[in-house]
């Protein structure tokens, strides 16, 4: 192998290691060496990345980009993927806390249903021997407990998924728009055609609607006409971008739009995290409080009467 080729592969390996460092791991130690070896043997870049245990998302991104500057492509897309993953991990970490709360509430419920309810019903049955009108009524309190637990579990599910679901839909879509446009800009700057760049960016989307919109924009660019539903660029942004692309300024405009969406995503994400924290505290307190009320209702119904 020539010294130039060897240096290029070592440099590419460092790019791959950088990609892992920002949140998109390519596998165990030695992945960079496997990638370099596969490329040296003439394996196409997407397949070489797959052999190096790159994520399916990264492999699809590189395959769709079709850019011949693989080193530059990995280098430019790494921060985009890293920011997206860091934000996703932030909510997933909070989801772990909420799931822990759900477990605590369910544990309390198991104690109430399995121990306290039978005990209080036994007390009531004994009380009926003295007064026939003695009864244990806890239905509304049990319903409140179940409702609060379902709300808390729903919050945990919403935090755990990558999909844009209520109540975090707007923030997640903002983050995905930033990832799609950031990835597209990285691909375009690395030598990909604009339509290929948008196809590559679409590979970074987990929201089907945004993915379809990015692919529609790619089709429009290939056909030389404006396309898309405005979910990714918006009506004004789409018109501005297609006009710029017609005059040869598509790459520069795409980079400007990507920067704009990244700033918007950073602001929106701060709001989403605060919202998630407040909801976790509020619904967690509501669920634990409802369990306490349920417990009190059982004891008061069984002992006071």
C-alpha atoms as a PDB file:
ATOM      1  CA  UNK A   1       0.000   0.000   0.000  1.00  0.00           C
ATOM      2  CA  UNK A   2       1.295   3.480  -0.867  1.00  0.00           C
ATOM      3  CA  UNK A   3       2.212   5.945   1.887  1.00  0.00           C
ATOM      4  CA  UNK A   4      -0.448   8.356   0.625  1.00  0.00           C
ATOM      5  CA  UNK A   5      -3.160   5.708   0.704  1.00  0.00           C
ATOM      6  CA  UNK A   6      -2.072   4.589   4.169  1.00  0.00           C
ATOM      7  CA  UNK A   7      -2.215   8.150   5.514  1.00  0.00           C
ATOM      8  CA  UNK A   8      -5.648   8.668   3.975  1.00  0.00           C
ATOM      9  CA  UNK A   9      -6.995   5.537   5.657  1.00  0.00           C
ATOM     10  CA  UNK A  10      -5.509   6.502   9.009  1.00  0.00           C
ATOM     11  CA  UNK A  11      -7.124   9.919   8.653  1.00  0.00           C
ATOM     12  CA  UNK A  12     -10.439   8.298   7.789  1.00  0.00           C
ATOM     13  CA  UNK A  13     -10.116   6.072  10.845  1.00  0.00           C
ATOM     14  CA  UNK A  14      -9.761   9.158  13.016  1.00  0.00           C
ATOM     15  CA  UNK A  15     -12.958  10.557  11.493  1.00  0.00           C
ATOM     16  CA  UNK A  16     -14.719   7.323  12.345  1.00  0.00           C
ATOM     17  CA  UNK A  17     -13.461   7.495  15.920  1.00  0.00           C
ATOM     18  CA  UNK A  18     -14.723  11.081  16.099  1.00  0.00           C
ATOM     19  CA  UNK A  19     -18.125   9.929  14.933  1.00  0.00           C
ATOM     20  CA  UNK A  20     -18.245   7.442  17.793  1.00  0.00           C
ATOM     21  CA  UNK A  21     -17.183  10.118  20.264  1.00  0.00           C
ATOM     22  CA  UNK A  22     -20.193  12.302  19.522  1.00  0.00           C
ATOM     23  CA  UNK A  23     -22.829   9.672  20.063  1.00  0.00           C
ATOM     24  CA  UNK A  24     -23.050   7.457  16.989  1.00  0.00           C
ATOM     25  CA  UNK A  25     -20.857   4.491  17.870  1.00  0.00           C
ATOM     26  CA  UNK A  26     -19.530   2.329  15.064  1.00  0.00           C
ATOM     27  CA  UNK A  27     -18.947  -0.685  17.235  1.00  0.00           C
ATOM     28  CA  UNK A  28     -16.220  -2.098  19.410  1.00  0.00           C
ATOM     29  CA  UNK A  29     -12.560  -1.179  19.402  1.00  0.00           C
ATOM     30  CA  UNK A  30     -10.932  -1.812  16.051  1.00  0.00           C
ATOM     31  CA  UNK A  31     -13.871  -0.518  13.992  1.00  0.00           C
ATOM     32  CA  UNK A  32     -11.650   2.087  12.334  1.00  0.00           C
ATOM     33  CA  UNK A  33      -9.159  -0.603  11.354  1.00  0.00           C
ATOM     34  CA  UNK A  34     -11.934  -2.751   9.884  1.00  0.00           C
ATOM     35  CA  UNK A  35     -13.192   0.216   7.893  1.00  0.00           C
ATOM     36  CA  UNK A  36      -9.709   1.016   6.575  1.00  0.00           C
ATOM     37  CA  UNK A  37      -9.125  -2.612   5.607  1.00  0.00           C
ATOM     38  CA  UNK A  38     -12.472  -2.887   3.825  1.00  0.00           C
ATOM     39  CA  UNK A  39     -11.885   0.325   1.878  1.00  0.00           C
ATOM     40  CA  UNK A  40      -8.397  -0.832   0.937  1.00  0.00           C
ATOM     41  CA  UNK A  41      -9.929  -3.997  -0.483  1.00  0.00           C
ATOM     42  CA  UNK A  42     -12.232  -1.912  -2.670  1.00  0.00           C
ATOM     43  CA  UNK A  43     -15.425  -2.385  -0.684  1.00  0.00           C
ATOM     44  CA  UNK A  44     -17.882   0.503  -1.298  1.00  0.00           C
ATOM     45  CA  UNK A  45     -18.058   3.014   1.550  1.00  0.00           C
ATOM     46  CA  UNK A  46     -21.577   2.092   2.813  1.00  0.00           C
ATOM     47  CA  UNK A  47     -20.746  -1.614   2.969  1.00  0.00           C
ATOM     48  CA  UNK A  48     -17.370  -0.846   4.536  1.00  0.00           C
ATOM     49  CA  UNK A  49     -19.092   1.195   7.244  1.00  0.00           C
ATOM     50  CA  UNK A  50     -21.544  -1.645   7.839  1.00  0.00           C
ATOM     51  CA  UNK A  51     -18.636  -4.082   8.221  1.00  0.00           C
ATOM     52  CA  UNK A  52     -17.143  -1.641  10.760  1.00  0.00           C
ATOM     53  CA  UNK A  53     -20.406  -1.928  12.763  1.00  0.00           C
ATOM     54  CA  UNK A  54     -21.631   1.564  11.894  1.00  0.00           C
ATOM     55  CA  UNK A  55     -25.262   2.254  12.719  1.00  0.00           C
ATOM     56  CA  UNK A  56     -27.811   1.562   9.998  1.00  0.00           C
ATOM     57  CA  UNK A  57     -28.658   5.261   9.996  1.00  0.00           C
ATOM     58  CA  UNK A  58     -25.058   6.255   9.217  1.00  0.00           C
ATOM     59  CA  UNK A  59     -24.769   3.573   6.530  1.00  0.00           C
ATOM     60  CA  UNK A  60     -27.964   4.735   4.814  1.00  0.00           C
ATOM     61  CA  UNK A  61     -26.866   8.362   5.086  1.00  0.00           C
ATOM     62  CA  UNK A  62     -23.532   7.678   3.370  1.00  0.00           C
ATOM     63  CA  UNK A  63     -25.157   5.445   0.749  1.00  0.00           C
ATOM     64  CA  UNK A  64     -27.739   8.068  -0.180  1.00  0.00           C
ATOM     65  CA  UNK A  65     -25.233  10.918  -0.204  1.00  0.00           C
ATOM     66  CA  UNK A  66     -23.050   9.228  -2.804  1.00  0.00           C
ATOM     67  CA  UNK A  67     -20.331  11.780  -2.007  1.00  0.00           C
ATOM     68  CA  UNK A  68     -16.770  10.831  -2.932  1.00  0.00           C
ATOM     69  CA  UNK A  69     -15.264  12.860  -0.041  1.00  0.00           C
ATOM     70  CA  UNK A  70     -16.016  10.250   2.634  1.00  0.00           C
ATOM     71  CA  UNK A  71     -13.532  11.728   5.092  1.00  0.00           C
ATOM     72  CA  UNK A  72     -15.079  15.178   4.851  1.00  0.00           C
ATOM     73  CA  UNK A  73     -18.607  13.759   4.943  1.00  0.00           C
ATOM     74  CA  UNK A  74     -18.013  11.878   8.201  1.00  0.00           C
ATOM     75  CA  UNK A  75     -16.207  14.859   9.665  1.00  0.00           C
ATOM     76  CA  UNK A  76     -19.032  17.274   8.827  1.00  0.00           C
ATOM     77  CA  UNK A  77     -21.941  15.050   9.810  1.00  0.00           C
ATOM     78  CA  UNK A  78     -20.449  13.959  13.148  1.00  0.00           C
ATOM     79  CA  UNK A  79     -21.470  17.132  15.057  1.00  0.00           C
ATOM     80  CA  UNK A  80     -24.971  16.954  13.564  1.00  0.00           C
ATOM     81  CA  UNK A  81     -25.450  13.362  14.688  1.00  0.00           C
ATOM     82  CA  UNK A  82     -23.829  14.099  18.021  1.00  0.00           C
ATOM     83  CA  UNK A  83     -26.206  16.938  18.838  1.00  0.00           C
ATOM     84  CA  UNK A  84     -29.231  14.867  17.844  1.00  0.00           C
ATOM     85  CA  UNK A  85     -28.098  11.926  19.964  1.00  0.00           C
ATOM     86  CA  UNK A  86     -27.231  14.110  22.960  1.00  0.00           C
ATOM     87  CA  UNK A  87     -30.724  15.588  22.921  1.00  0.00           C
ATOM     88  CA  UNK A  88     -32.335  12.175  22.575  1.00  0.00           C
ATOM     89  CA  UNK A  89     -30.268  10.817  25.478  1.00  0.00           C
ATOM     90  CA  UNK A  90     -31.321  13.770  27.607  1.00  0.00           C
ATOM     91  CA  UNK A  91     -34.990  12.838  27.374  1.00  0.00           C
ATOM     92  CA  UNK A  92     -34.274   9.119  27.634  1.00  0.00           C
ATOM     93  CA  UNK A  93     -32.407   9.783  30.875  1.00  0.00           C
ATOM     94  CA  UNK A  94     -35.427  11.622  32.224  1.00  0.00           C
ATOM     95  CA  UNK A  95     -37.610   8.754  30.984  1.00  0.00           C
ATOM     96  CA  UNK A  96     -35.612   6.385  33.201  1.00  0.00           C
ATOM     97  CA  UNK A  97     -36.451   8.529  36.224  1.00  0.00           C
ATOM     98  CA  UNK A  98     -40.150   8.567  35.283  1.00  0.00           C
ATOM     99  CA  UNK A  99     -40.191   4.783  34.754  1.00  0.00           C
ATOM    100  CA  UNK A 100     -38.691   4.454  38.243  1.00  0.00           C
ATOM    101  CA  UNK A 101     -41.576   6.525  39.575  1.00  0.00           C
ATOM    102  CA  UNK A 102     -44.028   4.315  37.692  1.00  0.00           C
ATOM    103  CA  UNK A 103     -42.432   1.273  39.325  1.00  0.00           C
ATOM    104  CA  UNK A 104     -42.743   2.842  42.776  1.00  0.00           C
ATOM    105  CA  UNK A 105     -46.395   3.728  42.217  1.00  0.00           C
ATOM    106  CA  UNK A 106     -47.160   0.230  40.912  1.00  0.00           C
ATOM    107  CA  UNK A 107     -45.358  -1.271  43.907  1.00  0.00           C
ATOM    108  CA  UNK A 108     -47.484   0.797  46.261  1.00  0.00           C
ATOM    109  CA  UNK A 109     -50.567  -0.272  44.309  1.00  0.00           C
ATOM    110  CA  UNK A 110     -49.582  -3.942  44.625  1.00  0.00           C
ATOM    111  CA  UNK A 111     -49.293  -3.531  48.403  1.00  0.00           C
ATOM    112  CA  UNK A 112     -52.660  -1.781  48.571  1.00  0.00           C
ATOM    113  CA  UNK A 113     -54.502  -4.284  46.369  1.00  0.00           C
ATOM    114  CA  UNK A 114     -52.729  -7.358  47.693  1.00  0.00           C
ATOM    115  CA  UNK A 115     -52.569  -6.530  51.384  1.00  0.00           C
ATOM    116  CA  UNK A 116     -54.528  -3.517  52.558  1.00  0.00           C
ATOM    117  CA  UNK A 117     -57.731  -4.108  50.572  1.00  0.00           C
ATOM    118  CA  UNK A 118     -58.177  -7.756  51.759  1.00  0.00           C
ATOM    119  CA  UNK A 119     -57.358  -6.737  55.339  1.00  0.00           C
ATOM    120  CA  UNK A 120     -59.855  -3.892  55.349  1.00  0.00           C
ATOM    121  CA  UNK A 121     -62.501  -6.078  53.720  1.00  0.00           C
ATOM    122  CA  UNK A 122     -61.982  -8.590  56.531  1.00  0.00           C
ATOM    123  CA  UNK A 123     -62.446  -5.802  59.078  1.00  0.00           C
ATOM    124  CA  UNK A 124     -65.660  -4.741  57.356  1.00  0.00           C
ATOM    125  CA  UNK A 125     -66.977  -8.304  57.271  1.00  0.00           C
ATOM    126  CA  UNK A 126     -66.345  -8.553  60.993  1.00  0.00           C
ATOM    127  CA  UNK A 127     -68.073  -5.193  61.525  1.00  0.00           C
ATOM    128  CA  UNK A 128     -71.172  -6.383  59.716  1.00  0.00           C
ATOM    129  CA  UNK A 129     -71.809  -8.819  62.505  1.00  0.00           C
ATOM    130  CA  UNK A 130     -72.446  -5.766  64.714  1.00  0.00           C
ATOM    131  CA  UNK A 131     -73.990  -3.384  62.180  1.00  0.00           C
ATOM    132  CA  UNK A 132     -75.450  -4.494  58.879  1.00  0.00           C
ATOM    133  CA  UNK A 133     -74.937  -1.097  57.221  1.00  0.00           C
ATOM    134  CA  UNK A 134     -71.110  -1.234  57.468  1.00  0.00           C
ATOM    135  CA  UNK A 135     -69.438  -1.273  54.027  1.00  0.00           C
ATOM    136  CA  UNK A 136     -66.092  -0.502  52.390  1.00  0.00           C
ATOM    137  CA  UNK A 137     -66.318   1.997  49.505  1.00  0.00           C
ATOM    138  CA  UNK A 138     -63.099   2.829  47.676  1.00  0.00           C
ATOM    139  CA  UNK A 139     -64.047   2.734  43.982  1.00  0.00           C
ATOM    140  CA  UNK A 140     -63.547   6.462  43.164  1.00  0.00           C
ATOM    141  CA  UNK A 141     -60.195   6.538  44.961  1.00  0.00           C
ATOM    142  CA  UNK A 142     -59.013   3.407  43.167  1.00  0.00           C
ATOM    143  CA  UNK A 143     -60.067   4.939  39.832  1.00  0.00           C
ATOM    144  CA  UNK A 144     -58.103   8.097  40.658  1.00  0.00           C
ATOM    145  CA  UNK A 145     -55.024   6.019  41.442  1.00  0.00           C
ATOM    146  CA  UNK A 146     -55.296   4.065  38.167  1.00  0.00           C
ATOM    147  CA  UNK A 147     -55.829   7.272  36.167  1.00  0.00           C
ATOM    148  CA  UNK A 148     -52.784   8.952  37.743  1.00  0.00           C
ATOM    149  CA  UNK A 149     -50.631   5.881  37.119  1.00  0.00           C
ATOM    150  CA  UNK A 150     -51.680   5.729  33.459  1.00  0.00           C
ATOM    151  CA  UNK A 151     -50.817   9.409  33.026  1.00  0.00           C
ATOM    152  CA  UNK A 152     -47.371   8.852  34.519  1.00  0.00           C
ATOM    153  CA  UNK A 153     -46.762   5.790  32.322  1.00  0.00           C
ATOM    154  CA  UNK A 154     -47.890   7.772  29.272  1.00  0.00           C
ATOM    155  CA  UNK A 155     -45.328  10.451  30.077  1.00  0.00           C
ATOM    156  CA  UNK A 156     -42.616   7.799  30.394  1.00  0.00           C
ATOM    157  CA  UNK A 157     -43.560   6.357  26.983  1.00  0.00           C
ATOM    158  CA  UNK A 158     -43.572   9.810  25.373  1.00  0.00           C
ATOM    159  CA  UNK A 159     -40.087  10.470  26.770  1.00  0.00           C
ATOM    160  CA  UNK A 160     -38.751   7.067  25.684  1.00  0.00           C
ATOM    161  CA  UNK A 161     -39.687   7.217  21.998  1.00  0.00           C
ATOM    162  CA  UNK A 162     -37.867   9.115  19.257  1.00  0.00           C
ATOM    163  CA  UNK A 163     -41.146   9.816  17.476  1.00  0.00           C
ATOM    164  CA  UNK A 164     -42.689  13.278  17.565  1.00  0.00           C
ATOM    165  CA  UNK A 165     -45.557  12.562  19.965  1.00  0.00           C
ATOM    166  CA  UNK A 166     -47.561  14.733  22.369  1.00  0.00           C
ATOM    167  CA  UNK A 167     -46.550  16.624  24.460  1.00  0.00           C
ATOM    168  CA  UNK A 168     -43.067  16.869  22.940  1.00  0.00           C
ATOM    169  CA  UNK A 169     -43.994  16.838  19.250  1.00  0.00           C
ATOM    170  CA  UNK A 170     -42.963  20.397  18.383  1.00  0.00           C
ATOM    171  CA  UNK A 171     -39.554  20.169  20.063  1.00  0.00           C
ATOM    172  CA  UNK A 172     -38.756  16.793  18.544  1.00  0.00           C
ATOM    173  CA  UNK A 173     -39.740  17.984  15.066  1.00  0.00           C
ATOM    174  CA  UNK A 174     -37.499  21.035  15.484  1.00  0.00           C
ATOM    175  CA  UNK A 175     -34.590  18.760  16.429  1.00  0.00           C
ATOM    176  CA  UNK A 176     -35.263  16.454  13.492  1.00  0.00           C
ATOM    177  CA  UNK A 177     -35.485  19.361  11.051  1.00  0.00           C
ATOM    178  CA  UNK A 178     -32.093  20.531  12.310  1.00  0.00           C
ATOM    179  CA  UNK A 179     -30.650  17.014  11.870  1.00  0.00           C
ATOM    180  CA  UNK A 180     -32.089  16.568   8.369  1.00  0.00           C
ATOM    181  CA  UNK A 181     -30.901  19.945   7.098  1.00  0.00           C
ATOM    182  CA  UNK A 182     -27.577  19.651   8.915  1.00  0.00           C
ATOM    183  CA  UNK A 183     -26.976  16.252   7.354  1.00  0.00           C
ATOM    184  CA  UNK A 184     -28.053  17.499   3.933  1.00  0.00           C
ATOM    185  CA  UNK A 185     -25.706  20.490   4.222  1.00  0.00           C
ATOM    186  CA  UNK A 186     -22.835  18.192   5.248  1.00  0.00           C
ATOM    187  CA  UNK A 187     -23.485  15.953   2.241  1.00  0.00           C
ATOM    188  CA  UNK A 188     -23.747  18.886  -0.175  1.00  0.00           C
ATOM    189  CA  UNK A 189     -20.526  20.446   1.115  1.00  0.00           C
ATOM    190  CA  UNK A 190     -18.822  17.055   0.665  1.00  0.00           C
ATOM    191  CA  UNK A 191     -19.615  16.940  -3.040  1.00  0.00           C
ATOM    192  CA  UNK A 192     -23.087  15.377  -3.152  1.00  0.00           C
ATOM    193  CA  UNK A 193     -25.684  16.737  -5.537  1.00  0.00           C
ATOM    194  CA  UNK A 194     -28.450  18.701  -3.835  1.00  0.00           C
ATOM    195  CA  UNK A 195     -31.072  16.037  -4.481  1.00  0.00           C
ATOM    196  CA  UNK A 196     -28.749  13.355  -3.086  1.00  0.00           C
ATOM    197  CA  UNK A 197     -27.995  15.588  -0.107  1.00  0.00           C
ATOM    198  CA  UNK A 198     -31.689  15.830   0.785  1.00  0.00           C
ATOM    199  CA  UNK A 199     -32.100  12.070   0.343  1.00  0.00           C
ATOM    200  CA  UNK A 200     -29.169  11.591   2.731  1.00  0.00           C
ATOM    201  CA  UNK A 201     -30.664  14.052   5.194  1.00  0.00           C
ATOM    202  CA  UNK A 202     -33.956  12.148   5.081  1.00  0.00           C
ATOM    203  CA  UNK A 203     -32.099   9.085   6.362  1.00  0.00           C
ATOM    204  CA  UNK A 204     -31.515  10.936   9.646  1.00  0.00           C
ATOM    205  CA  UNK A 205     -35.246  11.428  10.277  1.00  0.00           C
ATOM    206  CA  UNK A 206     -37.290   9.198  12.564  1.00  0.00           C
ATOM    207  CA  UNK A 207     -40.507  11.100  11.844  1.00  0.00           C
ATOM    208  CA  UNK A 208     -42.094   9.579   8.698  1.00  0.00           C
ATOM    209  CA  UNK A 209     -43.732  12.854   7.624  1.00  0.00           C
ATOM    210  CA  UNK A 210     -40.461  14.806   7.733  1.00  0.00           C
ATOM    211  CA  UNK A 211     -38.658  11.994   5.945  1.00  0.00           C
ATOM    212  CA  UNK A 212     -41.228  11.978   3.149  1.00  0.00           C
ATOM    213  CA  UNK A 213     -41.029  15.763   2.852  1.00  0.00           C
ATOM    214  CA  UNK A 214     -37.233  15.682   2.528  1.00  0.00           C
ATOM    215  CA  UNK A 215     -37.519  12.980  -0.136  1.00  0.00           C
ATOM    216  CA  UNK A 216     -40.166  15.023  -1.964  1.00  0.00           C
ATOM    217  CA  UNK A 217     -37.798  18.017  -1.997  1.00  0.00           C
ATOM    218  CA  UNK A 218     -35.099  15.759  -3.460  1.00  0.00           C
ATOM    219  CA  UNK A 219     -37.501  14.654  -6.192  1.00  0.00           C
ATOM    220  CA  UNK A 220     -38.394  18.276  -6.915  1.00  0.00           C
ATOM    221  CA  UNK A 221     -34.730  19.223  -7.211  1.00  0.00           C
ATOM    222  CA  UNK A 222     -34.165  16.357  -9.644  1.00  0.00           C
ATOM    223  CA  UNK A 223     -37.136  17.547 -11.722  1.00  0.00           C
ATOM    224  CA  UNK A 224     -36.237  21.220 -11.473  1.00  0.00           C
ATOM    225  CA  UNK A 225     -39.400  22.334  -9.687  1.00  0.00           C
ATOM    226  CA  UNK A 226     -40.493  23.254  -6.184  1.00  0.00           C
ATOM    227  CA  UNK A 227     -41.844  20.330  -4.173  1.00  0.00           C
ATOM    228  CA  UNK A 228     -42.620  19.218  -0.633  1.00  0.00           C
ATOM    229  CA  UNK A 229     -45.408  19.927   1.825  1.00  0.00           C
ATOM    230  CA  UNK A 230     -43.571  22.649   3.725  1.00  0.00           C
ATOM    231  CA  UNK A 231     -42.982  20.518   6.820  1.00  0.00           C
ATOM    232  CA  UNK A 232     -39.205  20.729   6.531  1.00  0.00           C
ATOM    233  CA  UNK A 233     -38.518  24.156   5.050  1.00  0.00           C
ATOM    234  CA  UNK A 234     -41.851  25.890   5.457  1.00  0.00           C
ATOM    235  CA  UNK A 235     -43.599  27.638   2.545  1.00  0.00           C
ATOM    236  CA  UNK A 236     -41.327  30.694   2.691  1.00  0.00           C
ATOM    237  CA  UNK A 237     -38.133  28.708   3.218  1.00  0.00           C
ATOM    238  CA  UNK A 238     -38.978  26.298   0.397  1.00  0.00           C
ATOM    239  CA  UNK A 239     -39.611  29.102  -2.065  1.00  0.00           C
ATOM    240  CA  UNK A 240     -36.428  30.871  -1.027  1.00  0.00           C
ATOM    241  CA  UNK A 241     -34.338  27.699  -1.283  1.00  0.00           C
ATOM    242  CA  UNK A 242     -35.620  26.562  -4.687  1.00  0.00           C
ATOM    243  CA  UNK A 243     -35.126  30.067  -6.094  1.00  0.00           C
ATOM    244  CA  UNK A 244     -31.562  30.095  -4.771  1.00  0.00           C
ATOM    245  CA  UNK A 245     -30.901  26.605  -6.148  1.00  0.00           C
ATOM    246  CA  UNK A 246     -31.999  27.723  -9.615  1.00  0.00           C
ATOM    247  CA  UNK A 247     -29.348  30.459  -9.476  1.00  0.00           C
ATOM    248  CA  UNK A 248     -26.545  28.166  -8.293  1.00  0.00           C
ATOM    249  CA  UNK A 249     -26.615  29.157  -4.623  1.00  0.00           C
ATOM    250  CA  UNK A 250     -28.325  26.029  -3.331  1.00  0.00           C
ATOM    251  CA  UNK A 251     -25.469  24.767  -1.148  1.00  0.00           C
ATOM    252  CA  UNK A 252     -24.890  28.115   0.564  1.00  0.00           C
ATOM    253  CA  UNK A 253     -28.620  28.583   1.139  1.00  0.00           C
ATOM    254  CA  UNK A 254     -28.957  25.061   2.492  1.00  0.00           C
ATOM    255  CA  UNK A 255     -26.149  25.710   4.977  1.00  0.00           C
ATOM    256  CA  UNK A 256     -27.820  28.955   6.088  1.00  0.00           C
ATOM    257  CA  UNK A 257     -31.158  27.156   6.562  1.00  0.00           C
ATOM    258  CA  UNK A 258     -29.403  24.392   8.513  1.00  0.00           C
ATOM    259  CA  UNK A 259     -27.810  26.954  10.841  1.00  0.00           C
ATOM    260  CA  UNK A 260     -31.164  28.659  11.329  1.00  0.00           C
ATOM    261  CA  UNK A 261     -32.916  25.387  12.173  1.00  0.00           C
ATOM    262  CA  UNK A 262     -30.131  24.388  14.559  1.00  0.00           C
ATOM    263  CA  UNK A 263     -30.531  27.638  16.500  1.00  0.00           C
ATOM    264  CA  UNK A 264     -34.305  27.149  16.550  1.00  0.00           C
ATOM    265  CA  UNK A 265     -33.889  23.541  17.718  1.00  0.00           C
ATOM    266  CA  UNK A 266     -31.536  24.558  20.533  1.00  0.00           C
ATOM    267  CA  UNK A 267     -34.082  27.060  21.817  1.00  0.00           C
ATOM    268  CA  UNK A 268     -37.045  24.698  21.419  1.00  0.00           C
ATOM    269  CA  UNK A 269     -35.196  21.849  23.098  1.00  0.00           C
ATOM    270  CA  UNK A 270     -34.488  23.887  26.217  1.00  0.00           C
ATOM    271  CA  UNK A 271     -38.224  24.492  26.514  1.00  0.00           C
ATOM    272  CA  UNK A 272     -38.997  20.798  25.959  1.00  0.00           C
ATOM    273  CA  UNK A 273     -36.577  19.668  28.678  1.00  0.00           C
ATOM    274  CA  UNK A 274     -38.041  22.119  31.208  1.00  0.00           C
ATOM    275  CA  UNK A 275     -41.538  20.975  30.237  1.00  0.00           C
ATOM    276  CA  UNK A 276     -40.544  17.334  30.668  1.00  0.00           C
ATOM    277  CA  UNK A 277     -39.055  17.995  34.112  1.00  0.00           C
ATOM    278  CA  UNK A 278     -42.127  19.886  35.294  1.00  0.00           C
ATOM    279  CA  UNK A 279     -44.476  17.201  33.979  1.00  0.00           C
ATOM    280  CA  UNK A 280     -42.419  14.480  35.641  1.00  0.00           C
ATOM    281  CA  UNK A 281     -42.590  16.243  39.002  1.00  0.00           C
ATOM    282  CA  UNK A 282     -46.290  17.114  38.669  1.00  0.00           C
ATOM    283  CA  UNK A 283     -47.507  13.725  37.446  1.00  0.00           C
ATOM    284  CA  UNK A 284     -45.192  11.859  39.788  1.00  0.00           C
ATOM    285  CA  UNK A 285     -46.575  13.831  42.730  1.00  0.00           C
ATOM    286  CA  UNK A 286     -50.129  13.307  41.488  1.00  0.00           C
ATOM    287  CA  UNK A 287     -49.646   9.541  41.180  1.00  0.00           C
ATOM    288  CA  UNK A 288     -48.000   9.187  44.595  1.00  0.00           C
ATOM    289  CA  UNK A 289     -50.613  11.482  46.141  1.00  0.00           C
ATOM    290  CA  UNK A 290     -53.454   9.463  44.626  1.00  0.00           C
ATOM    291  CA  UNK A 291     -51.916   6.295  46.077  1.00  0.00           C
ATOM    292  CA  UNK A 292     -51.830   8.009  49.462  1.00  0.00           C
ATOM    293  CA  UNK A 293     -55.462   9.066  49.151  1.00  0.00           C
ATOM    294  CA  UNK A 294     -56.403   5.531  48.140  1.00  0.00           C
ATOM    295  CA  UNK A 295     -54.580   4.190  51.189  1.00  0.00           C
ATOM    296  CA  UNK A 296     -56.310   6.663  53.504  1.00  0.00           C
ATOM    297  CA  UNK A 297     -59.717   5.848  51.995  1.00  0.00           C
ATOM    298  CA  UNK A 298     -59.186   2.164  52.692  1.00  0.00           C
ATOM    299  CA  UNK A 299     -58.217   2.680  56.321  1.00  0.00           C
ATOM    300  CA  UNK A 300     -60.869   5.264  57.029  1.00  0.00           C
ATOM    301  CA  UNK A 301     -63.525   3.106  55.387  1.00  0.00           C
ATOM    302  CA  UNK A 302     -62.435   0.003  57.256  1.00  0.00           C
ATOM    303  CA  UNK A 303     -61.700   1.428  60.699  1.00  0.00           C
ATOM    304  CA  UNK A 304     -63.741   4.585  61.190  1.00  0.00           C
ATOM    305  CA  UNK A 305     -66.990   2.941  60.181  1.00  0.00           C
END
